[in-house]
Amino acid sequence: MSEAPQVPAEGAVPVFVLEGEDGHSYECEFLDRFDFEENEYALLLKLAEEGAEEELDEEDQTLVIMRVFERGTDLIFQTIDNDEEFNKVVAFVEAKVEAERAAMEAEGQN
């Protein structure tokens, strides 16, 4: 479980430093926050290992999905340890992305 200092301000592109179970820290850009099956989740983009000299290439960046909740003004990120829950959330995100892509393509045709 990782903790971020503050709920991001409107319009800001928040970047959080999360600590993995192995003790390594890494930076993630906050992409989206969504509800699914009575839980709230965050979609994050892993940017680079803390202390790395260069940013990751776009193809080396990794999406991270974590359960999220607020404690006061802090966002608390929690790993999804249950494989069944994780797979359902991944399927939901994939369907959401595909629906958004189809909507964008439909707009482009009009």
N, C-alpha and C. Protein backbone atom coordinates (compact mmCIF):
# COMPACT_ATOMS: atom_id res chain seq x y z
N MET A 1 0.85 -1.16 0.00
CA MET A 1 0.00 0.00 0.00
C MET A 1 0.90 1.23 0.00
N SER A 2 0.53 2.23 -0.80
CA SER A 2 1.31 3.46 -0.88
C SER A 2 0.41 4.65 -0.61
N GLU A 3 1.01 5.69 -0.13
CA GLU A 3 0.27 6.88 0.22
C GLU A 3 0.80 8.06 -0.57
N ALA A 4 -0.10 8.89 -1.09
CA ALA A 4 0.28 10.09 -1.80
C ALA A 4 -0.03 11.28 -0.91
N PRO A 5 0.71 12.37 -1.03
CA PRO A 5 0.56 13.47 -0.10
C PRO A 5 -0.77 14.20 -0.13
N GLN A 6 -1.33 14.48 -1.28
CA GLN A 6 -2.54 15.29 -1.35
C GLN A 6 -3.39 14.84 -2.52
N VAL A 7 -4.72 15.09 -2.41
CA VAL A 7 -5.60 14.92 -3.55
C VAL A 7 -5.18 15.97 -4.57
N PRO A 8 -4.99 15.61 -5.85
CA PRO A 8 -4.50 16.56 -6.84
C PRO A 8 -5.45 17.72 -7.07
N ALA A 9 -4.87 18.89 -7.34
CA ALA A 9 -5.65 20.09 -7.64
C ALA A 9 -6.28 19.95 -9.03
N GLU A 10 -7.41 20.64 -9.23
CA GLU A 10 -8.08 20.62 -10.53
C GLU A 10 -7.12 21.08 -11.63
N GLY A 11 -7.09 20.35 -12.75
CA GLY A 11 -6.28 20.73 -13.90
C GLY A 11 -4.82 20.34 -13.81
N ALA A 12 -4.34 19.94 -12.63
CA ALA A 12 -2.94 19.55 -12.49
C ALA A 12 -2.76 18.11 -12.97
N VAL A 13 -1.59 17.82 -13.51
CA VAL A 13 -1.25 16.45 -13.90
C VAL A 13 -0.43 15.86 -12.76
N PRO A 14 -1.09 15.14 -11.87
CA PRO A 14 -0.39 14.66 -10.68
C PRO A 14 0.54 13.48 -10.97
N VAL A 15 1.67 13.51 -10.33
CA VAL A 15 2.63 12.41 -10.39
C VAL A 15 2.89 11.98 -8.95
N PHE A 16 2.74 10.69 -8.70
CA PHE A 16 2.93 10.15 -7.37
C PHE A 16 4.15 9.24 -7.34
N VAL A 17 4.85 9.23 -6.24
CA VAL A 17 5.93 8.27 -6.03
C VAL A 17 5.34 7.17 -5.16
N LEU A 18 5.29 5.97 -5.73
CA LEU A 18 4.75 4.81 -5.02
C LEU A 18 5.88 3.87 -4.65
N GLU A 19 5.71 3.20 -3.53
CA GLU A 19 6.71 2.24 -3.10
C GLU A 19 6.15 0.84 -3.22
N GLY A 20 6.86 -0.01 -3.96
CA GLY A 20 6.44 -1.39 -4.13
C GLY A 20 6.74 -2.22 -2.90
N GLU A 21 6.20 -3.44 -2.89
CA GLU A 21 6.42 -4.34 -1.76
C GLU A 21 7.89 -4.70 -1.60
N ASP A 22 8.66 -4.57 -2.69
CA ASP A 22 10.09 -4.88 -2.63
C ASP A 22 10.93 -3.70 -2.15
N GLY A 23 10.27 -2.57 -1.84
CA GLY A 23 10.99 -1.40 -1.35
C GLY A 23 11.42 -0.43 -2.44
N HIS A 24 11.30 -0.82 -3.71
CA HIS A 24 11.63 0.08 -4.82
C HIS A 24 10.56 1.17 -4.94
N SER A 25 10.98 2.38 -5.25
CA SER A 25 10.06 3.48 -5.50
C SER A 25 9.99 3.74 -6.99
N TYR A 26 8.80 4.13 -7.45
CA TYR A 26 8.66 4.49 -8.85
C TYR A 26 7.59 5.57 -8.98
N GLU A 27 7.75 6.37 -10.03
CA GLU A 27 6.83 7.48 -10.27
C GLU A 27 5.71 7.02 -11.19
N CYS A 28 4.50 7.45 -10.86
CA CYS A 28 3.33 7.15 -11.68
C CYS A 28 2.54 8.42 -11.92
N GLU A 29 2.12 8.60 -13.16
CA GLU A 29 1.23 9.70 -13.51
C GLU A 29 -0.21 9.21 -13.33
N PHE A 30 -1.01 10.01 -12.67
CA PHE A 30 -2.41 9.68 -12.42
C PHE A 30 -3.20 9.91 -13.70
N LEU A 31 -3.81 8.85 -14.26
CA LEU A 31 -4.56 8.97 -15.52
C LEU A 31 -6.07 9.06 -15.31
N ASP A 32 -6.59 8.21 -14.42
CA ASP A 32 -8.04 8.14 -14.28
C ASP A 32 -8.39 7.52 -12.93
N ARG A 33 -9.59 7.83 -12.50
CA ARG A 33 -10.13 7.26 -11.26
C ARG A 33 -11.55 6.84 -11.58
N PHE A 34 -11.92 5.61 -11.22
CA PHE A 34 -13.23 5.11 -11.61
C PHE A 34 -13.78 4.14 -10.56
N ASP A 35 -15.10 3.99 -10.56
CA ASP A 35 -15.79 3.05 -9.68
C ASP A 35 -16.10 1.79 -10.45
N PHE A 36 -15.97 0.65 -9.78
CA PHE A 36 -16.31 -0.63 -10.38
C PHE A 36 -16.65 -1.60 -9.25
N GLU A 37 -17.83 -2.17 -9.31
CA GLU A 37 -18.29 -3.15 -8.34
C GLU A 37 -18.06 -2.71 -6.88
N GLU A 38 -18.52 -1.51 -6.58
CA GLU A 38 -18.50 -0.95 -5.22
C GLU A 38 -17.12 -0.63 -4.66
N ASN A 39 -16.12 -0.61 -5.52
CA ASN A 39 -14.77 -0.16 -5.12
C ASN A 39 -14.34 0.96 -6.05
N GLU A 40 -13.39 1.74 -5.60
CA GLU A 40 -12.83 2.81 -6.43
C GLU A 40 -11.41 2.42 -6.80
N TYR A 41 -11.05 2.69 -8.06
CA TYR A 41 -9.74 2.30 -8.58
C TYR A 41 -9.08 3.48 -9.26
N ALA A 42 -7.76 3.40 -9.37
CA ALA A 42 -6.99 4.41 -10.08
C ALA A 42 -6.21 3.73 -11.19
N LEU A 43 -6.16 4.39 -12.33
CA LEU A 43 -5.34 3.95 -13.46
C LEU A 43 -4.14 4.87 -13.50
N LEU A 44 -2.96 4.29 -13.35
CA LEU A 44 -1.72 5.05 -13.27
C LEU A 44 -0.78 4.63 -14.39
N LEU A 45 0.10 5.52 -14.80
CA LEU A 45 1.11 5.23 -15.80
C LEU A 45 2.47 5.28 -15.14
N LYS A 46 3.13 4.14 -15.07
CA LYS A 46 4.47 4.09 -14.47
C LYS A 46 5.43 4.81 -15.41
N LEU A 47 6.12 5.81 -14.88
CA LEU A 47 6.98 6.64 -15.71
C LEU A 47 8.42 6.16 -15.73
N ALA A 48 9.05 6.06 -14.59
CA ALA A 48 10.46 5.65 -14.52
C ALA A 48 10.79 5.31 -13.08
N GLU A 49 11.81 4.51 -12.89
CA GLU A 49 12.29 4.22 -11.54
C GLU A 49 12.80 5.52 -10.93
N GLU A 50 12.56 5.72 -9.66
CA GLU A 50 13.07 6.91 -8.98
C GLU A 50 14.59 6.90 -9.07
N GLY A 51 15.16 8.01 -9.48
CA GLY A 51 16.60 8.11 -9.61
C GLY A 51 17.12 7.72 -10.99
N ALA A 52 16.23 7.27 -11.87
CA ALA A 52 16.66 6.91 -13.22
C ALA A 52 17.09 8.17 -13.95
N GLU A 53 18.08 8.03 -14.81
CA GLU A 53 18.62 9.20 -15.47
C GLU A 53 17.80 9.66 -16.66
N GLU A 54 16.96 8.77 -17.22
CA GLU A 54 16.14 9.18 -18.36
C GLU A 54 14.73 8.61 -18.22
N GLU A 55 13.78 9.28 -18.88
CA GLU A 55 12.40 8.84 -18.87
C GLU A 55 12.26 7.56 -19.70
N LEU A 56 11.24 6.78 -19.41
CA LEU A 56 10.97 5.58 -20.18
C LEU A 56 10.40 5.94 -21.55
N ASP A 57 10.73 5.15 -22.57
CA ASP A 57 10.09 5.31 -23.87
C ASP A 57 8.62 4.96 -23.72
N GLU A 58 7.79 5.48 -24.63
CA GLU A 58 6.36 5.23 -24.55
C GLU A 58 6.04 3.74 -24.49
N GLU A 59 6.76 2.93 -25.27
CA GLU A 59 6.48 1.49 -25.28
C GLU A 59 6.96 0.78 -24.02
N ASP A 60 7.85 1.40 -23.24
CA ASP A 60 8.32 0.79 -21.99
C ASP A 60 7.49 1.21 -20.78
N GLN A 61 6.57 2.16 -20.97
CA GLN A 61 5.74 2.60 -19.87
C GLN A 61 4.69 1.53 -19.56
N THR A 62 4.37 1.39 -18.30
CA THR A 62 3.45 0.35 -17.85
C THR A 62 2.24 0.97 -17.18
N LEU A 63 1.05 0.45 -17.52
CA LEU A 63 -0.15 0.88 -16.82
C LEU A 63 -0.26 0.10 -15.52
N VAL A 64 -0.69 0.79 -14.47
CA VAL A 64 -0.85 0.20 -13.16
C VAL A 64 -2.27 0.47 -12.70
N ILE A 65 -2.95 -0.56 -12.21
CA ILE A 65 -4.30 -0.39 -11.67
C ILE A 65 -4.23 -0.72 -10.18
N MET A 66 -4.72 0.22 -9.37
CA MET A 66 -4.72 0.01 -7.92
C MET A 66 -6.05 0.44 -7.35
N ARG A 67 -6.43 -0.18 -6.25
CA ARG A 67 -7.59 0.27 -5.50
C ARG A 67 -7.18 1.59 -4.84
N VAL A 68 -8.11 2.53 -4.74
CA VAL A 68 -7.79 3.83 -4.16
C VAL A 68 -8.92 4.28 -3.24
N PHE A 69 -8.54 4.96 -2.17
CA PHE A 69 -9.52 5.58 -1.30
C PHE A 69 -8.88 6.80 -0.67
N GLU A 70 -9.73 7.67 -0.13
CA GLU A 70 -9.24 8.90 0.49
C GLU A 70 -9.26 8.76 2.00
N ARG A 71 -8.22 9.27 2.61
CA ARG A 71 -8.14 9.40 4.06
C ARG A 71 -7.82 10.86 4.31
N GLY A 72 -8.84 11.63 4.67
CA GLY A 72 -8.65 13.08 4.80
C GLY A 72 -8.39 13.65 3.42
N THR A 73 -7.25 14.33 3.27
CA THR A 73 -6.88 14.89 1.97
C THR A 73 -5.87 14.01 1.24
N ASP A 74 -5.54 12.86 1.82
CA ASP A 74 -4.58 11.94 1.20
C ASP A 74 -5.29 10.90 0.34
N LEU A 75 -4.66 10.52 -0.76
CA LEU A 75 -5.10 9.38 -1.54
C LEU A 75 -4.28 8.18 -1.09
N ILE A 76 -4.95 7.07 -0.83
CA ILE A 76 -4.27 5.85 -0.42
C ILE A 76 -4.42 4.85 -1.56
N PHE A 77 -3.30 4.35 -2.07
CA PHE A 77 -3.30 3.36 -3.14
C PHE A 77 -3.01 1.99 -2.53
N GLN A 78 -3.80 1.01 -2.96
CA GLN A 78 -3.66 -0.34 -2.42
C GLN A 78 -3.63 -1.33 -3.57
N THR A 79 -2.68 -2.26 -3.51
CA THR A 79 -2.60 -3.27 -4.57
C THR A 79 -3.84 -4.17 -4.54
N ILE A 80 -4.15 -4.73 -5.69
CA ILE A 80 -5.26 -5.67 -5.81
C ILE A 80 -4.65 -7.07 -5.75
N ASP A 81 -4.79 -7.72 -4.62
CA ASP A 81 -4.16 -9.02 -4.40
C ASP A 81 -4.98 -10.19 -4.93
N ASN A 82 -6.27 -9.99 -5.08
CA ASN A 82 -7.16 -11.06 -5.53
C ASN A 82 -7.13 -11.13 -7.06
N ASP A 83 -6.70 -12.27 -7.61
CA ASP A 83 -6.58 -12.42 -9.07
C ASP A 83 -7.91 -12.25 -9.79
N GLU A 84 -8.98 -12.78 -9.21
CA GLU A 84 -10.30 -12.67 -9.85
C GLU A 84 -10.73 -11.21 -9.93
N GLU A 85 -10.56 -10.46 -8.83
CA GLU A 85 -10.90 -9.04 -8.82
C GLU A 85 -10.05 -8.29 -9.84
N PHE A 86 -8.74 -8.56 -9.84
CA PHE A 86 -7.84 -7.88 -10.76
C PHE A 86 -8.25 -8.13 -12.21
N ASN A 87 -8.53 -9.37 -12.56
CA ASN A 87 -8.90 -9.71 -13.94
C ASN A 87 -10.20 -9.03 -14.35
N LYS A 88 -11.17 -8.93 -13.43
CA LYS A 88 -12.42 -8.23 -13.72
C LYS A 88 -12.17 -6.75 -13.96
N VAL A 89 -11.31 -6.14 -13.15
CA VAL A 89 -11.01 -4.71 -13.30
C VAL A 89 -10.28 -4.46 -14.61
N VAL A 90 -9.33 -5.32 -14.95
CA VAL A 90 -8.61 -5.18 -16.22
C VAL A 90 -9.59 -5.28 -17.40
N ALA A 91 -10.49 -6.24 -17.37
CA ALA A 91 -11.49 -6.38 -18.44
C ALA A 91 -12.36 -5.13 -18.54
N PHE A 92 -12.74 -4.57 -17.39
CA PHE A 92 -13.55 -3.35 -17.37
C PHE A 92 -12.78 -2.18 -18.01
N VAL A 93 -11.51 -2.02 -17.65
CA VAL A 93 -10.69 -0.94 -18.20
C VAL A 93 -10.51 -1.13 -19.70
N GLU A 94 -10.24 -2.35 -20.14
CA GLU A 94 -10.08 -2.61 -21.58
C GLU A 94 -11.35 -2.27 -22.35
N ALA A 95 -12.52 -2.65 -21.81
CA ALA A 95 -13.79 -2.34 -22.46
C ALA A 95 -14.03 -0.83 -22.50
N LYS A 96 -13.66 -0.15 -21.42
CA LYS A 96 -13.82 1.31 -21.35
C LYS A 96 -12.94 2.00 -22.40
N VAL A 97 -11.70 1.55 -22.52
CA VAL A 97 -10.78 2.12 -23.50
C VAL A 97 -11.29 1.88 -24.91
N GLU A 98 -11.77 0.66 -25.18
CA GLU A 98 -12.28 0.33 -26.51
C GLU A 98 -13.51 1.17 -26.84
N ALA A 99 -14.41 1.39 -25.89
CA ALA A 99 -15.60 2.21 -26.11
C ALA A 99 -15.21 3.66 -26.40
N GLU A 100 -14.22 4.18 -25.66
CA GLU A 100 -13.76 5.55 -25.90
C GLU A 100 -13.09 5.67 -27.27
N ARG A 101 -12.32 4.65 -27.64
CA ARG A 101 -11.67 4.66 -28.96
C ARG A 101 -12.72 4.64 -30.07
N ALA A 102 -13.75 3.81 -29.93
CA ALA A 102 -14.82 3.73 -30.93
C ALA A 102 -15.57 5.05 -31.02
N ALA A 103 -15.82 5.70 -29.89
CA ALA A 103 -16.52 6.99 -29.88
C ALA A 103 -15.68 8.05 -30.58
N MET A 104 -14.37 8.04 -30.34
CA MET A 104 -13.49 9.02 -31.00
C MET A 104 -13.46 8.79 -32.51
N GLU A 105 -13.42 7.52 -32.93
CA GLU A 105 -13.42 7.21 -34.36
C GLU A 105 -14.73 7.63 -35.01
N ALA A 106 -15.85 7.45 -34.30
CA ALA A 106 -17.15 7.84 -34.82
C ALA A 106 -17.23 9.37 -34.97
N GLU A 107 -16.68 10.08 -34.01
CA GLU A 107 -16.65 11.55 -34.10
C GLU A 107 -15.83 12.02 -35.28
N GLY A 108 -14.73 11.33 -35.55
CA GLY A 108 -13.85 11.68 -36.65
C GLY A 108 -14.49 11.46 -38.01
N GLN A 109 -15.48 10.57 -38.08
CA GLN A 109 -16.16 10.28 -39.34
C GLN A 109 -17.27 11.25 -39.61
N ASN A 110 -17.71 12.00 -38.60
CA ASN A 110 -18.82 12.96 -38.78
C ASN A 110 -18.31 14.29 -39.20
